[in-house]
C-alpha cells in the first residue's frame, strides 16, 4: 500500500504589509504537521493558533497574502 504524504506547499506568498516574502505560508502547517496529524486531520500549530496562517517572518505582522 502506497504511503500518502501531505501536499507540498506552493511558492512563498508575498506579504502585502511589508511587500516582502515572509512565512505567511501555513495554510494548516504545510510541511510541519506530522503524518499522524495529517491522517487524523488535526491541527495544532502554535504559530497560527489554528487559523491556517503564520505571521510574516520579515515584518512580524499577520499581513495579507498576495493571491
PDB file of N, CA and C in Angstrom:
ATOM      1  N   UNK A   1       0.843  -1.182   0.000  1.00  0.00           N
ATOM      2  CA  UNK A   1       0.000   0.000   0.000  1.00  0.00           C
ATOM      3  C   UNK A   1       0.891   1.250   0.000  1.00  0.00           C
ATOM      4  N   UNK A   2       0.600   2.148  -0.902  1.00  0.00           N
ATOM      5  CA  UNK A   2       1.419   3.349  -1.032  1.00  0.00           C
ATOM      6  C   UNK A   2       1.129   4.312   0.122  1.00  0.00           C
ATOM      7  N   UNK A   3       2.195   4.812   0.726  1.00  0.00           N
ATOM      8  CA  UNK A   3       2.038   5.731   1.853  1.00  0.00           C
ATOM      9  C   UNK A   3       1.754   7.136   1.334  1.00  0.00           C
ATOM     10  N   UNK A   4       0.659   7.720   1.798  1.00  0.00           N
ATOM     11  CA  UNK A   4       0.312   9.070   1.360  1.00  0.00           C
ATOM     12  C   UNK A   4       1.130  10.096   2.137  1.00  0.00           C
ATOM     13  N   UNK A   5       1.436  11.187   1.474  1.00  0.00           N
ATOM     14  CA  UNK A   5       2.162  12.266   2.133  1.00  0.00           C
ATOM     15  C   UNK A   5       1.387  13.562   1.954  1.00  0.00           C
ATOM     16  N   UNK A   6       1.545  14.490   2.890  1.00  0.00           N
ATOM     17  CA  UNK A   6       0.855  15.773   2.745  1.00  0.00           C
ATOM     18  C   UNK A   6       1.307  16.492   1.483  1.00  0.00           C
ATOM     19  N   UNK A   7       0.403  17.279   0.918  1.00  0.00           N
ATOM     20  CA  UNK A   7       0.750  18.027  -0.290  1.00  0.00           C
ATOM     21  C   UNK A   7       1.821  19.056   0.032  1.00  0.00           C
ATOM     22  N   UNK A   8       2.682  19.278  -0.948  1.00  0.00           N
ATOM     23  CA  UNK A   8       3.743  20.269  -0.775  1.00  0.00           C
ATOM     24  C   UNK A   8       3.157  21.673  -0.874  1.00  0.00           C
ATOM     25  N   UNK A   9       3.757  22.621  -0.165  1.00  0.00           N
ATOM     26  CA  UNK A   9       3.263  23.997  -0.260  1.00  0.00           C
ATOM     27  C   UNK A   9       3.597  24.625  -1.604  1.00  0.00           C
ATOM     28  N   UNK A  10       2.842  25.647  -1.942  1.00  0.00           N
ATOM     29  CA  UNK A  10       3.124  26.379  -3.168  1.00  0.00           C
ATOM     30  C   UNK A  10       4.285  27.329  -2.908  1.00  0.00           C
ATOM     31  N   UNK A  11       4.553  28.223  -3.837  1.00  0.00           N
ATOM     32  CA  UNK A  11       5.631  29.186  -3.634  1.00  0.00           C
ATOM     33  C   UNK A  11       5.314  30.119  -2.467  1.00  0.00           C
ATOM     34  N   UNK A  12       6.349  30.679  -1.881  1.00  0.00           N
ATOM     35  CA  UNK A  12       6.162  31.601  -0.757  1.00  0.00           C
ATOM     36  C   UNK A  12       5.232  32.735  -1.171  1.00  0.00           C
ATOM     37  N   UNK A  13       4.348  33.093  -0.281  1.00  0.00           N
ATOM     38  CA  UNK A  13       3.430  34.185  -0.569  1.00  0.00           C
ATOM     39  C   UNK A  13       4.098  35.516  -0.258  1.00  0.00           C
ATOM     40  N   UNK A  14       3.704  36.517  -0.999  1.00  0.00           N
ATOM     41  CA  UNK A  14       4.237  37.857  -0.740  1.00  0.00           C
ATOM     42  C   UNK A  14       3.353  38.538   0.296  1.00  0.00           C
ATOM     43  N   UNK A  15       3.990  39.048   1.359  1.00  0.00           N
ATOM     44  CA  UNK A  15       3.255  39.757   2.398  1.00  0.00           C
ATOM     45  C   UNK A  15       2.986  41.181   1.926  1.00  0.00           C
ATOM     46  N   UNK A  16       1.708  41.547   1.858  1.00  0.00           N
ATOM     47  CA  UNK A  16       1.369  42.880   1.384  1.00  0.00           C
ATOM     48  C   UNK A  16       1.577  43.953   2.445  1.00  0.00           C
ATOM     49  N   UNK A  17       1.829  43.523   3.700  1.00  0.00           N
ATOM     50  CA  UNK A  17       2.084  44.503   4.750  1.00  0.00           C
ATOM     51  C   UNK A  17       3.473  45.110   4.570  1.00  0.00           C
ATOM     52  N   UNK A  18       4.465  44.260   4.313  1.00  0.00           N
ATOM     53  CA  UNK A  18       5.834  44.755   4.142  1.00  0.00           C
ATOM     54  C   UNK A  18       6.319  44.563   2.713  1.00  0.00           C
ATOM     55  N   UNK A  19       5.480  43.984   1.866  1.00  0.00           N
ATOM     56  CA  UNK A  19       5.808  43.710   0.468  1.00  0.00           C
ATOM     57  C   UNK A  19       7.035  42.817   0.325  1.00  0.00           C
ATOM     58  N   UNK A  20       7.203  41.935   1.300  1.00  0.00           N
ATOM     59  CA  UNK A  20       8.333  41.023   1.242  1.00  0.00           C
ATOM     60  C   UNK A  20       7.864  39.582   1.260  1.00  0.00           C
ATOM     61  N   UNK A  21       8.788  38.673   1.006  1.00  0.00           N
ATOM     62  CA  UNK A  21       8.454  37.254   1.032  1.00  0.00           C
ATOM     63  C   UNK A  21       8.682  36.724   2.435  1.00  0.00           C
ATOM     64  N   UNK A  22       7.625  36.657   3.200  1.00  0.00           N
ATOM     65  CA  UNK A  22       7.724  36.140   4.557  1.00  0.00           C
ATOM     66  C   UNK A  22       7.129  34.746   4.639  1.00  0.00           C
ATOM     67  N   UNK A  23       6.988  34.237   5.856  1.00  0.00           N
ATOM     68  CA  UNK A  23       6.472  32.888   6.048  1.00  0.00           C
ATOM     69  C   UNK A  23       4.978  32.902   6.283  1.00  0.00           C
ATOM     70  N   UNK A  24       4.243  33.586   5.410  1.00  0.00           N
ATOM     71  CA  UNK A  24       2.785  33.561   5.553  1.00  0.00           C
ATOM     72  C   UNK A  24       2.315  32.385   4.711  1.00  0.00           C
ATOM     73  N   UNK A  25       2.697  31.208   5.146  1.00  0.00           N
ATOM     74  CA  UNK A  25       2.517  30.031   4.313  1.00  0.00           C
ATOM     75  C   UNK A  25       1.805  28.876   4.987  1.00  0.00           C
ATOM     76  N   UNK A  26       1.324  29.078   6.209  1.00  0.00           N
ATOM     77  CA  UNK A  26       0.845  27.935   6.971  1.00  0.00           C
ATOM     78  C   UNK A  26      -0.225  27.132   6.254  1.00  0.00           C
ATOM     79  N   UNK A  27      -1.399  27.745   5.973  1.00  0.00           N
ATOM     80  CA  UNK A  27      -2.498  27.002   5.367  1.00  0.00           C
ATOM     81  C   UNK A  27      -2.605  25.620   5.999  1.00  0.00           C
ATOM     82  N   UNK A  28      -2.658  25.631   7.321  1.00  0.00           N
ATOM     83  CA  UNK A  28      -2.699  24.399   8.125  1.00  0.00           C
ATOM     84  C   UNK A  28      -1.360  23.664   8.118  1.00  0.00           C
ATOM     85  N   UNK A  29      -0.310  24.417   8.302  1.00  0.00           N
ATOM     86  CA  UNK A  29       1.041  23.867   8.527  1.00  0.00           C
ATOM     87  C   UNK A  29       1.584  22.955   7.451  1.00  0.00           C
ATOM     88  N   UNK A  30       1.678  23.442   6.243  1.00  0.00           N
ATOM     89  CA  UNK A  30       2.328  22.657   5.186  1.00  0.00           C
ATOM     90  C   UNK A  30       3.746  22.307   5.604  1.00  0.00           C
ATOM     91  N   UNK A  31       4.070  21.047   5.515  1.00  0.00           N
ATOM     92  CA  UNK A  31       5.432  20.622   5.797  1.00  0.00           C
ATOM     93  C   UNK A  31       5.800  20.580   7.265  1.00  0.00           C
ATOM     94  N   UNK A  32       4.886  20.975   8.153  1.00  0.00           N
ATOM     95  CA  UNK A  32       5.226  20.989   9.564  1.00  0.00           C
ATOM     96  C   UNK A  32       4.405  19.996  10.380  1.00  0.00           C
ATOM     97  N   UNK A  33       3.271  19.557   9.818  1.00  0.00           N
ATOM     98  CA  UNK A  33       2.465  18.589  10.559  1.00  0.00           C
ATOM     99  C   UNK A  33       3.091  17.206  10.445  1.00  0.00           C
ATOM    100  N   UNK A  34       2.871  16.404  11.465  1.00  0.00           N
ATOM    101  CA  UNK A  34       3.360  15.033  11.410  1.00  0.00           C
ATOM    102  C   UNK A  34       2.393  14.210  10.568  1.00  0.00           C
ATOM    103  N   UNK A  35       2.836  13.053  10.150  1.00  0.00           N
ATOM    104  CA  UNK A  35       1.999  12.169   9.340  1.00  0.00           C
ATOM    105  C   UNK A  35       0.728  11.804  10.103  1.00  0.00           C
ATOM    106  N   UNK A  36       0.874  11.578  11.418  1.00  0.00           N
ATOM    107  CA  UNK A  36      -0.285  11.224  12.241  1.00  0.00           C
ATOM    108  C   UNK A  36      -1.292  12.364  12.283  1.00  0.00           C
ATOM    109  N   UNK A  37      -0.790  13.587  12.469  1.00  0.00           N
ATOM    110  CA  UNK A  37      -1.670  14.757  12.482  1.00  0.00           C
ATOM    111  C   UNK A  37      -2.425  14.853  11.167  1.00  0.00           C
ATOM    112  N   UNK A  38      -1.687  14.631  10.081  1.00  0.00           N
ATOM    113  CA  UNK A  38      -2.282  14.757   8.753  1.00  0.00           C
ATOM    114  C   UNK A  38      -3.368  13.703   8.547  1.00  0.00           C
ATOM    115  N   UNK A  39      -3.069  12.472   8.950  1.00  0.00           N
ATOM    116  CA  UNK A  39      -4.034  11.384   8.767  1.00  0.00           C
ATOM    117  C   UNK A  39      -5.293  11.619   9.599  1.00  0.00           C
ATOM    118  N   UNK A  40      -5.116  12.197  10.790  1.00  0.00           N
ATOM    119  CA  UNK A  40      -6.264  12.419  11.661  1.00  0.00           C
ATOM    120  C   UNK A  40      -6.874  13.807  11.492  1.00  0.00           C
ATOM    121  N   UNK A  41      -6.362  14.534  10.508  1.00  0.00           N
ATOM    122  CA  UNK A  41      -6.891  15.864  10.190  1.00  0.00           C
ATOM    123  C   UNK A  41      -6.949  16.780  11.413  1.00  0.00           C
ATOM    124  N   UNK A  42      -5.883  16.717  12.219  1.00  0.00           N
ATOM    125  CA  UNK A  42      -5.798  17.609  13.368  1.00  0.00           C
ATOM    126  C   UNK A  42      -4.837  18.737  13.021  1.00  0.00           C
ATOM    127  N   UNK A  43      -4.918  19.809  13.760  1.00  0.00           N
ATOM    128  CA  UNK A  43      -4.018  20.926  13.507  1.00  0.00           C
ATOM    129  C   UNK A  43      -3.701  21.610  14.816  1.00  0.00           C
ATOM    130  N   UNK A  44      -2.437  21.570  15.200  1.00  0.00           N
ATOM    131  CA  UNK A  44      -2.039  22.137  16.473  1.00  0.00           C
ATOM    132  C   UNK A  44      -0.811  23.015  16.274  1.00  0.00           C
ATOM    133  N   UNK A  45      -0.966  24.055  15.461  1.00  0.00           N
ATOM    134  CA  UNK A  45       0.164  24.933  15.170  1.00  0.00           C
ATOM    135  C   UNK A  45       0.205  26.088  16.154  1.00  0.00           C
ATOM    136  N   UNK A  46       1.293  26.207  16.894  1.00  0.00           N
ATOM    137  CA  UNK A  46       1.412  27.300  17.844  1.00  0.00           C
ATOM    138  C   UNK A  46       1.600  28.641  17.160  1.00  0.00           C
ATOM    139  N   UNK A  47       2.108  28.605  15.941  1.00  0.00           N
ATOM    140  CA  UNK A  47       2.374  29.857  15.229  1.00  0.00           C
ATOM    141  C   UNK A  47       1.103  30.512  14.718  1.00  0.00           C
ATOM    142  N   UNK A  48       0.154  29.698  14.261  1.00  0.00           N
ATOM    143  CA  UNK A  48      -1.059  30.285  13.682  1.00  0.00           C
ATOM    144  C   UNK A  48      -2.275  30.134  14.576  1.00  0.00           C
ATOM    145  N   UNK A  49      -2.172  29.316  15.612  1.00  0.00           N
ATOM    146  CA  UNK A  49      -3.308  29.136  16.507  1.00  0.00           C
ATOM    147  C   UNK A  49      -4.491  28.466  15.838  1.00  0.00           C
ATOM    148  N   UNK A  50      -4.220  27.729  14.752  1.00  0.00           N
ATOM    149  CA  UNK A  50      -5.294  27.010  14.075  1.00  0.00           C
ATOM    150  C   UNK A  50      -5.992  27.809  12.991  1.00  0.00           C
ATOM    151  N   UNK A  51      -5.480  29.006  12.688  1.00  0.00           N
ATOM    152  CA  UNK A  51      -6.141  29.831  11.676  1.00  0.00           C
ATOM    153  C   UNK A  51      -5.708  29.475  10.264  1.00  0.00           C
ATOM    154  N   UNK A  52      -4.608  28.742  10.150  1.00  0.00           N
ATOM    155  CA  UNK A  52      -4.115  28.386   8.826  1.00  0.00           C
ATOM    156  C   UNK A  52      -3.163  29.414   8.248  1.00  0.00           C
ATOM    157  N   UNK A  53      -2.760  30.380   9.051  1.00  0.00           N
ATOM    158  CA  UNK A  53      -1.801  31.389   8.585  1.00  0.00           C
ATOM    159  C   UNK A  53      -0.718  31.570   9.639  1.00  0.00           C
ATOM    160  N   UNK A  54       0.468  31.948   9.215  1.00  0.00           N
ATOM    161  CA  UNK A  54       1.536  32.291  10.141  1.00  0.00           C
ATOM    162  C   UNK A  54       1.943  33.728   9.871  1.00  0.00           C
ATOM    163  N   UNK A  55       2.487  34.369  10.889  1.00  0.00           N
ATOM    164  CA  UNK A  55       2.939  35.748  10.708  1.00  0.00           C
ATOM    165  C   UNK A  55       4.127  35.793   9.758  1.00  0.00           C
ATOM    166  N   UNK A  56       4.255  36.909   9.067  1.00  0.00           N
ATOM    167  CA  UNK A  56       5.363  37.124   8.147  1.00  0.00           C
ATOM    168  C   UNK A  56       6.674  37.165   8.926  1.00  0.00           C
ATOM    169  N   UNK A  57       7.704  36.451   8.455  1.00  0.00           N
ATOM    170  CA  UNK A  57       8.980  36.447   9.164  1.00  0.00           C
ATOM    171  C   UNK A  57       9.760  37.736   8.920  1.00  0.00           C
ATOM    172  N   UNK A  58       9.352  38.519   7.920  1.00  0.00           N
ATOM    173  CA  UNK A  58      10.057  39.759   7.610  1.00  0.00           C
ATOM    174  C   UNK A  58       9.587  40.895   8.508  1.00  0.00           C
ATOM    175  N   UNK A  59       8.262  41.107   8.570  1.00  0.00           N
ATOM    176  CA  UNK A  59       7.740  42.239   9.343  1.00  0.00           C
ATOM    177  C   UNK A  59       7.066  41.823  10.640  1.00  0.00           C
ATOM    178  N   UNK A  60       6.829  40.520  10.812  1.00  0.00           N
ATOM    179  CA  UNK A  60       6.232  40.030  12.043  1.00  0.00           C
ATOM    180  C   UNK A  60       4.732  40.237  12.145  1.00  0.00           C
ATOM    181  N   UNK A  61       4.121  40.757  11.104  1.00  0.00           N
ATOM    182  CA  UNK A  61       2.688  41.017  11.129  1.00  0.00           C
ATOM    183  C   UNK A  61       1.925  39.910  10.412  1.00  0.00           C
ATOM    184  N   UNK A  62       0.660  39.775  10.778  1.00  0.00           N
ATOM    185  CA  UNK A  62      -0.206  38.837  10.079  1.00  0.00           C
ATOM    186  C   UNK A  62      -0.705  39.547   8.824  1.00  0.00           C
ATOM    187  N   UNK A  63       0.197  39.770   7.904  1.00  0.00           N
ATOM    188  CA  UNK A  63      -0.115  40.530   6.699  1.00  0.00           C
ATOM    189  C   UNK A  63      -1.014  39.777   5.742  1.00  0.00           C
ATOM    190  N   UNK A  64      -1.643  40.533   4.879  1.00  0.00           N
ATOM    191  CA  UNK A  64      -2.457  39.917   3.829  1.00  0.00           C
ATOM    192  C   UNK A  64      -1.517  39.263   2.829  1.00  0.00           C
ATOM    193  N   UNK A  65      -1.877  38.069   2.385  1.00  0.00           N
ATOM    194  CA  UNK A  65      -1.028  37.419   1.406  1.00  0.00           C
ATOM    195  C   UNK A  65      -1.548  37.666   0.010  1.00  0.00           C
ATOM    196  N   UNK A  66      -0.609  37.803  -0.887  1.00  0.00           N
ATOM    197  CA  UNK A  66      -0.965  38.014  -2.281  1.00  0.00           C
ATOM    198  C   UNK A  66      -1.536  36.722  -2.824  1.00  0.00           C
ATOM    199  N   UNK A  67      -2.643  36.794  -3.550  1.00  0.00           N
ATOM    200  CA  UNK A  67      -3.273  35.584  -4.075  1.00  0.00           C
ATOM    201  C   UNK A  67      -2.472  35.021  -5.229  1.00  0.00           C
TER     202      UNK A  67
END
